[in-house]
Protein backbone atom coordinates (compact mmCIF):
# COMPACT_ATOMS: atom_id res chain seq x y z
CA MET A 1 -23.33 -55.84 -56.39
CA ILE A 2 -27.06 -56.35 -55.99
CA ASP A 3 -29.02 -58.73 -58.20
CA LEU A 4 -29.89 -56.94 -61.42
CA PRO A 5 -33.27 -57.29 -63.12
CA ARG A 6 -33.73 -58.17 -66.76
CA GLY A 7 -32.54 -55.36 -69.00
CA VAL A 8 -29.97 -54.02 -66.51
CA ARG A 9 -26.34 -55.12 -66.86
CA VAL A 10 -22.82 -54.23 -65.81
CA SER A 11 -20.49 -52.89 -68.47
CA ASP A 12 -17.53 -50.49 -68.62
CA SER A 13 -16.42 -47.36 -70.43
CA ARG A 14 -13.98 -49.23 -72.66
CA THR A 15 -16.76 -51.44 -73.99
CA GLU A 16 -19.35 -48.68 -74.37
CA TYR A 17 -17.18 -45.70 -75.33
CA GLY A 18 -13.77 -47.06 -76.32
CA SER A 19 -11.91 -45.42 -73.43
CA GLU A 20 -8.42 -46.47 -72.40
CA GLN A 21 -9.38 -47.13 -68.77
CA ALA A 22 -12.41 -49.32 -68.11
CA LEU A 23 -14.55 -47.50 -65.54
CA PRO A 24 -17.58 -49.52 -64.37
CA LEU A 25 -20.90 -48.61 -65.96
CA ILE A 26 -24.49 -49.75 -65.60
CA VAL A 27 -26.53 -50.08 -68.81
CA ALA A 28 -30.30 -50.17 -68.32
CA GLU A 29 -32.82 -50.91 -71.08
CA ALA A 30 -36.61 -51.11 -70.98
CA ALA A 31 -39.45 -50.70 -73.45
CA GLN A 32 -39.60 -46.98 -72.69
CA CYS A 33 -35.92 -45.99 -72.78
CA ARG A 34 -32.22 -46.83 -72.61
CA ALA A 35 -29.84 -45.28 -70.05
CA VAL A 36 -26.16 -45.55 -69.15
CA PHE A 37 -24.72 -44.70 -65.72
CA ALA A 38 -21.19 -44.41 -64.39
CA LEU A 39 -20.81 -45.73 -60.85
CA GLN A 40 -18.26 -42.94 -60.43
CA GLY A 41 -20.39 -40.01 -59.37
CA ALA A 42 -23.64 -41.99 -59.87
CA GLN A 43 -23.57 -40.03 -63.11
CA LEU A 44 -26.23 -40.52 -65.76
CA LEU A 45 -24.32 -40.41 -69.06
CA SER A 46 -27.07 -41.14 -71.56
CA PHE A 47 -30.87 -41.14 -71.61
CA VAL A 48 -32.65 -42.12 -74.82
CA PRO A 49 -36.44 -42.50 -74.75
CA THR A 50 -37.58 -45.08 -77.29
CA GLY A 51 -38.00 -43.44 -80.69
CA ASP A 52 -36.16 -40.29 -79.62
CA GLU A 53 -32.58 -39.00 -79.62
CA ASP A 54 -30.35 -38.80 -76.56
CA TRP A 55 -31.52 -35.91 -74.41
CA LEU A 56 -28.07 -35.66 -72.81
CA TRP A 57 -24.68 -34.74 -74.23
CA LEU A 58 -21.55 -36.73 -73.46
CA SER A 59 -18.39 -35.25 -74.88
CA PRO A 60 -16.69 -37.35 -77.60
CA LYS A 61 -13.51 -36.30 -75.77
CA ALA A 62 -14.75 -37.30 -72.29
CA VAL A 63 -12.05 -38.78 -70.05
CA PHE A 64 -12.89 -41.97 -68.16
CA SER A 65 -10.35 -42.18 -65.35
CA ASP A 66 -10.52 -42.86 -61.61
CA GLY A 67 -11.12 -39.62 -59.76
CA ALA A 68 -11.47 -37.48 -62.91
CA ALA A 69 -14.68 -35.63 -63.76
CA ILE A 70 -16.55 -37.05 -66.77
CA ARG A 71 -17.60 -34.28 -69.16
CA GLY A 72 -21.29 -34.63 -69.91
CA GLY A 73 -24.47 -36.34 -68.75
CA ILE A 74 -25.65 -35.26 -65.30
CA PRO A 75 -22.78 -34.91 -62.80
CA LEU A 76 -23.89 -34.48 -59.18
CA CYS A 77 -21.99 -31.60 -57.60
CA LEU A 78 -22.04 -31.86 -53.79
CA PRO A 79 -21.65 -31.10 -50.91
CA TRP A 80 -20.82 -27.77 -52.55
CA PHE A 81 -21.23 -26.28 -56.00
CA GLY A 82 -18.41 -24.56 -57.90
CA VAL A 83 -15.46 -23.20 -55.96
CA ASN A 84 -15.89 -23.78 -52.22
CA ARG A 85 -16.52 -20.32 -50.81
CA ARG A 86 -14.83 -21.13 -47.48
CA ASP A 87 -11.75 -22.95 -48.82
CA ALA A 88 -10.84 -22.44 -52.47
CA THR A 89 -8.21 -25.22 -52.27
CA LEU A 90 -10.95 -27.87 -52.08
CA PRO A 91 -11.87 -29.61 -55.35
CA LYS A 92 -14.32 -27.70 -57.52
CA HIS A 93 -17.92 -29.01 -57.31
CA GLY A 94 -17.30 -31.17 -54.23
CA PHE A 95 -16.08 -34.72 -53.66
CA ALA A 96 -19.05 -36.78 -54.81
CA ARG A 97 -18.70 -36.62 -58.60
CA GLN A 98 -15.22 -38.18 -58.39
CA ARG A 99 -16.12 -41.03 -56.03
CA GLU A 100 -17.63 -44.41 -56.81
CA TRP A 101 -21.19 -44.73 -55.46
CA GLN A 102 -22.92 -47.92 -54.34
CA LEU A 103 -25.84 -49.21 -56.39
CA LEU A 104 -28.62 -49.90 -53.87
CA GLU A 105 -31.54 -50.66 -56.17
CA ALA A 106 -32.23 -51.53 -59.79
CA SER A 107 -35.82 -52.37 -60.63
CA SER A 108 -38.42 -51.98 -63.33
CA ASP A 109 -42.19 -51.55 -63.51
CA LYS A 110 -44.80 -50.69 -66.13
CA ASP A 111 -43.56 -47.08 -66.24
CA GLY A 112 -39.87 -47.86 -66.77
CA LEU A 113 -36.76 -48.20 -64.63
CA ILE A 114 -35.63 -47.14 -61.15
CA LEU A 115 -31.98 -47.03 -60.13
CA ARG A 116 -30.83 -45.82 -56.72
CA PHE A 117 -27.26 -45.02 -55.65
CA ALA A 118 -25.69 -43.96 -52.33
CA ILE A 119 -22.48 -42.48 -50.94
CA GLU A 120 -21.09 -41.46 -47.55
CA SER A 121 -18.25 -39.08 -46.76
CA THR A 122 -14.87 -40.57 -45.90
CA PRO A 123 -12.44 -39.75 -43.06
CA GLU A 124 -10.05 -38.35 -45.69
CA GLU A 125 -12.71 -35.92 -46.87
CA GLN A 126 -13.61 -34.93 -43.32
CA ALA A 127 -9.98 -34.04 -42.65
CA ARG A 128 -10.36 -31.29 -45.29
CA PHE A 129 -14.09 -30.56 -44.98
CA PRO A 130 -15.08 -31.08 -41.33
CA TRP A 131 -18.64 -32.27 -41.87
CA ALA A 132 -19.91 -35.81 -42.36
CA TYR A 133 -22.62 -36.27 -44.96
CA SER A 134 -24.43 -38.95 -46.91
CA ALA A 135 -26.37 -38.80 -50.16
CA GLN A 136 -28.76 -40.96 -52.14
CA VAL A 137 -29.98 -40.39 -55.66
CA ALA A 138 -32.85 -42.24 -57.34
CA TYR A 139 -33.38 -42.01 -61.09
CA ARG A 140 -36.80 -42.83 -62.51
CA LEU A 141 -36.56 -43.42 -66.23
CA GLY A 142 -39.39 -43.85 -68.68
CA ARG A 143 -40.88 -41.47 -71.24
CA GLU A 144 -39.47 -38.73 -69.02
CA LEU A 145 -36.58 -38.46 -66.56
CA GLU A 146 -36.82 -37.81 -62.82
CA CYS A 147 -33.87 -37.39 -60.48
CA ASP A 148 -34.50 -37.47 -56.70
CA LEU A 149 -31.54 -36.42 -54.58
CA VAL A 150 -31.41 -36.58 -50.77
CA ILE A 151 -28.41 -35.16 -48.90
CA CYS A 152 -28.11 -35.64 -45.13
CA ASN A 153 -25.88 -34.03 -42.52
CA ARG A 154 -24.32 -36.74 -40.34
CA SER A 155 -22.41 -34.21 -38.22
CA GLN A 156 -23.06 -32.65 -34.84
CA GLN A 157 -22.74 -29.17 -36.36
CA SER A 158 -24.72 -27.45 -39.12
CA LEU A 159 -23.52 -28.26 -42.65
CA PRO A 160 -23.12 -25.44 -45.21
CA LEU A 161 -24.63 -27.18 -48.24
CA SER A 162 -24.79 -26.20 -51.87
CA PHE A 163 -25.27 -28.58 -54.77
CA ALA A 164 -26.31 -28.91 -58.40
CA MET A 165 -27.59 -31.52 -60.80
CA HIS A 166 -25.23 -30.31 -63.54
CA SER A 167 -27.22 -31.36 -66.63
CA TYR A 168 -25.59 -31.27 -70.07
CA PHE A 169 -28.29 -31.30 -72.74
CA ALA A 170 -27.68 -32.13 -76.39
CA ALA A 171 -28.40 -28.87 -78.23
CA ASP A 172 -27.36 -26.73 -81.17
CA THR A 173 -26.11 -23.52 -79.55
CA ALA A 174 -26.99 -21.49 -82.66
CA ALA A 175 -30.65 -22.43 -82.27
CA ALA A 176 -30.82 -22.87 -78.48
CA SER A 177 -32.64 -20.66 -76.00
CA VAL A 178 -33.88 -20.92 -72.41
CA GLN A 179 -37.08 -19.42 -71.08
CA GLY A 180 -38.57 -19.38 -67.58
CA LEU A 181 -35.69 -17.74 -65.72
CA GLY A 182 -37.83 -15.77 -63.32
CA GLY A 183 -37.42 -11.99 -63.25
CA GLY A 184 -34.20 -12.30 -65.20
CA ASP A 185 -31.77 -11.19 -62.47
CA TYR A 186 -28.56 -13.19 -62.52
CA LEU A 187 -24.92 -13.32 -61.42
CA ASP A 188 -22.58 -13.26 -64.41
CA ASN A 189 -19.58 -15.50 -63.79
CA THR A 190 -17.86 -14.07 -66.87
CA GLN A 191 -17.87 -10.69 -65.08
CA GLY A 192 -16.80 -11.69 -61.57
CA LEU A 193 -20.38 -12.58 -60.56
CA ALA A 194 -21.62 -9.09 -61.34
CA LYS A 195 -25.37 -8.62 -60.93
CA CYS A 196 -27.12 -8.30 -64.30
CA ARG A 197 -30.61 -8.59 -65.78
CA LEU A 198 -31.85 -10.67 -68.68
CA THR A 199 -34.63 -8.97 -70.65
CA ALA A 200 -35.36 -11.68 -73.25
CA ALA A 201 -34.95 -15.44 -73.66
CA GLN A 202 -31.43 -16.62 -72.88
CA ARG A 203 -29.46 -17.29 -76.08
CA PHE A 204 -25.92 -18.42 -76.77
CA ASP A 205 -23.67 -16.34 -79.03
CA GLY A 206 -20.50 -16.67 -76.92
CA GLU A 207 -19.51 -17.75 -73.42
CA VAL A 208 -22.50 -17.85 -71.07
CA ASP A 209 -22.08 -18.65 -67.36
CA ARG A 210 -25.05 -17.28 -65.42
CA VAL A 211 -26.52 -18.04 -62.00
CA PHE A 212 -30.23 -17.35 -61.51
CA GLU A 213 -31.04 -17.49 -57.79
CA GLN A 214 -34.42 -18.26 -56.18
CA VAL A 215 -36.02 -19.09 -59.53
CA GLY A 216 -37.60 -22.53 -59.15
CA GLY A 217 -40.48 -23.11 -61.55
CA VAL A 218 -40.11 -24.63 -65.01
CA GLN A 219 -37.52 -23.79 -67.64
CA GLU A 220 -38.00 -24.60 -71.31
CA LEU A 221 -34.87 -25.34 -73.32
CA VAL A 222 -35.15 -25.03 -77.08
CA THR A 223 -32.42 -27.37 -78.31
CA GLY A 224 -32.79 -27.23 -82.07
CA LYS A 225 -33.75 -30.91 -81.76
CA GLY A 226 -37.07 -30.50 -79.94
CA PRO A 227 -37.84 -28.63 -76.69
CA LEU A 228 -37.23 -29.95 -73.19
CA ALA A 229 -38.96 -28.82 -70.00
CA ILE A 230 -36.94 -28.83 -66.77
CA ALA A 231 -38.69 -28.48 -63.41
CA GLY A 232 -37.64 -28.96 -59.83
CA GLN A 233 -38.50 -28.84 -56.17
CA GLY A 234 -35.91 -28.09 -53.52
CA CYS A 235 -33.52 -26.91 -56.24
CA ASP A 236 -34.37 -23.25 -56.81
CA THR A 237 -31.07 -22.14 -58.37
CA VAL A 238 -30.77 -22.36 -62.16
CA VAL A 239 -27.31 -22.21 -63.73
CA VAL A 240 -27.08 -21.74 -67.50
CA TRP A 241 -23.69 -22.44 -69.07
CA ASN A 242 -21.85 -22.90 -72.33
CA PRO A 243 -18.15 -22.07 -72.66
CA GLY A 244 -18.28 -20.60 -76.16
CA ALA A 245 -15.50 -21.09 -78.70
CA ILE A 246 -12.67 -19.21 -76.96
CA LEU A 247 -12.89 -20.92 -73.56
CA ALA A 248 -13.72 -24.32 -75.10
CA ASP A 249 -10.47 -24.18 -77.07
CA LYS A 250 -8.66 -24.37 -73.71
CA MET A 251 -10.74 -27.35 -72.53
CA ASP A 252 -9.28 -30.61 -73.81
CA ASP A 253 -12.48 -32.56 -73.15
CA VAL A 254 -14.70 -30.06 -75.03
CA ALA A 255 -12.71 -28.21 -77.76
CA GLU A 256 -14.66 -27.97 -81.02
CA HIS A 257 -17.71 -29.74 -79.54
CA TYR A 258 -18.80 -26.73 -77.46
CA SER A 259 -21.62 -25.95 -79.89
CA ASP A 260 -23.29 -29.33 -79.29
CA TYR A 261 -24.60 -28.76 -75.75
CA ILE A 262 -26.20 -26.40 -73.25
CA CYS A 263 -26.10 -26.83 -69.48
CA VAL A 264 -29.28 -25.98 -67.60
CA GLU A 265 -28.55 -26.99 -64.02
CA ARG A 266 -30.90 -27.14 -61.04
CA GLY A 267 -29.61 -26.93 -57.47
CA MET A 268 -29.20 -24.73 -54.41
CA ALA A 269 -26.20 -22.39 -54.53
CA PHE A 270 -25.04 -18.84 -53.82
CA ALA A 271 -28.00 -17.05 -52.13
CA ASP A 272 -29.86 -20.37 -52.08
CA GLU A 273 -27.11 -22.17 -50.15
CA LEU A 274 -28.51 -24.13 -47.20
CA LEU A 275 -27.38 -24.47 -43.61
CA LEU A 276 -28.43 -28.03 -42.89
CA PRO A 277 -28.90 -28.72 -39.17
CA PRO A 278 -27.31 -31.72 -37.45
CA LYS A 279 -28.95 -34.95 -38.64
CA GLY A 280 -31.06 -32.92 -41.08
CA CYS A 281 -31.72 -33.92 -44.69
CA HIS A 282 -32.57 -31.97 -47.84
CA HIS A 283 -34.62 -33.46 -50.69
CA ALA A 284 -34.39 -32.11 -54.23
CA GLN A 285 -36.20 -33.38 -57.29
CA MET A 286 -35.54 -32.54 -60.95
CA ARG A 287 -37.94 -33.65 -63.67
CA ILE A 288 -37.30 -33.45 -67.43
CA TRP A 289 -39.81 -34.11 -70.20
CA ARG A 290 -40.82 -33.21 -73.74
CA PRO A 291 -43.53 -30.54 -73.48
């Protein structure tokens, strides 16, 4: 572990969240904000600007266990998003969210905190997914949140790459809406990825699982607790998701809490999937702020 600056400390999920297993966490506090990260997945679990509420949602039923996805915060889904379109037996949303990342940097300045994490593919992964890759993510935390993700192809052949910064935002689904979804064309995952069109702001009165390709720009999420703006570069796909009551009832780590969050995810997936050349890298940045 690197030397940690003042305000940044090592903790675990048992101490912070009362979980049975004690997964390692990093707690970072500065004048501008407080944040909690899981080393597993380099996953930001909580981000609370000073004087504000948590912008992110972490399920009260979240499971903290080696190799298990943690429900909430900002999971990093890579080197593919969703079901792998070439081999459906591979784990959903890639390997990286279930692996422990290395903390490379923890620092602070007048604007807040910077934490940087890294991961490289393993021989076991390459036996199932025959491409070598590496990734680094840097979080800049102050009065707003910035996530910089760099994914590199370490192979001698082009890497089919899709990814998402799978953000769970604290929101009241009854009051929530999303604007800024481009022309409104989307793939509806509740209808076998049928092509549909949105003609008004996106609202949530049941299960919503929609992929908006080649959107980019800025989305505004009305949460019922104050709006959030979500912008990105190099992450043109926007996925909007909430399971609704019926599906959530089948999800042990969501259940009755489905109405407390909305996912607005930025990434590159489906038509935006990349073919990363040998030794090539892709840089994506997501920025979140109160407008």
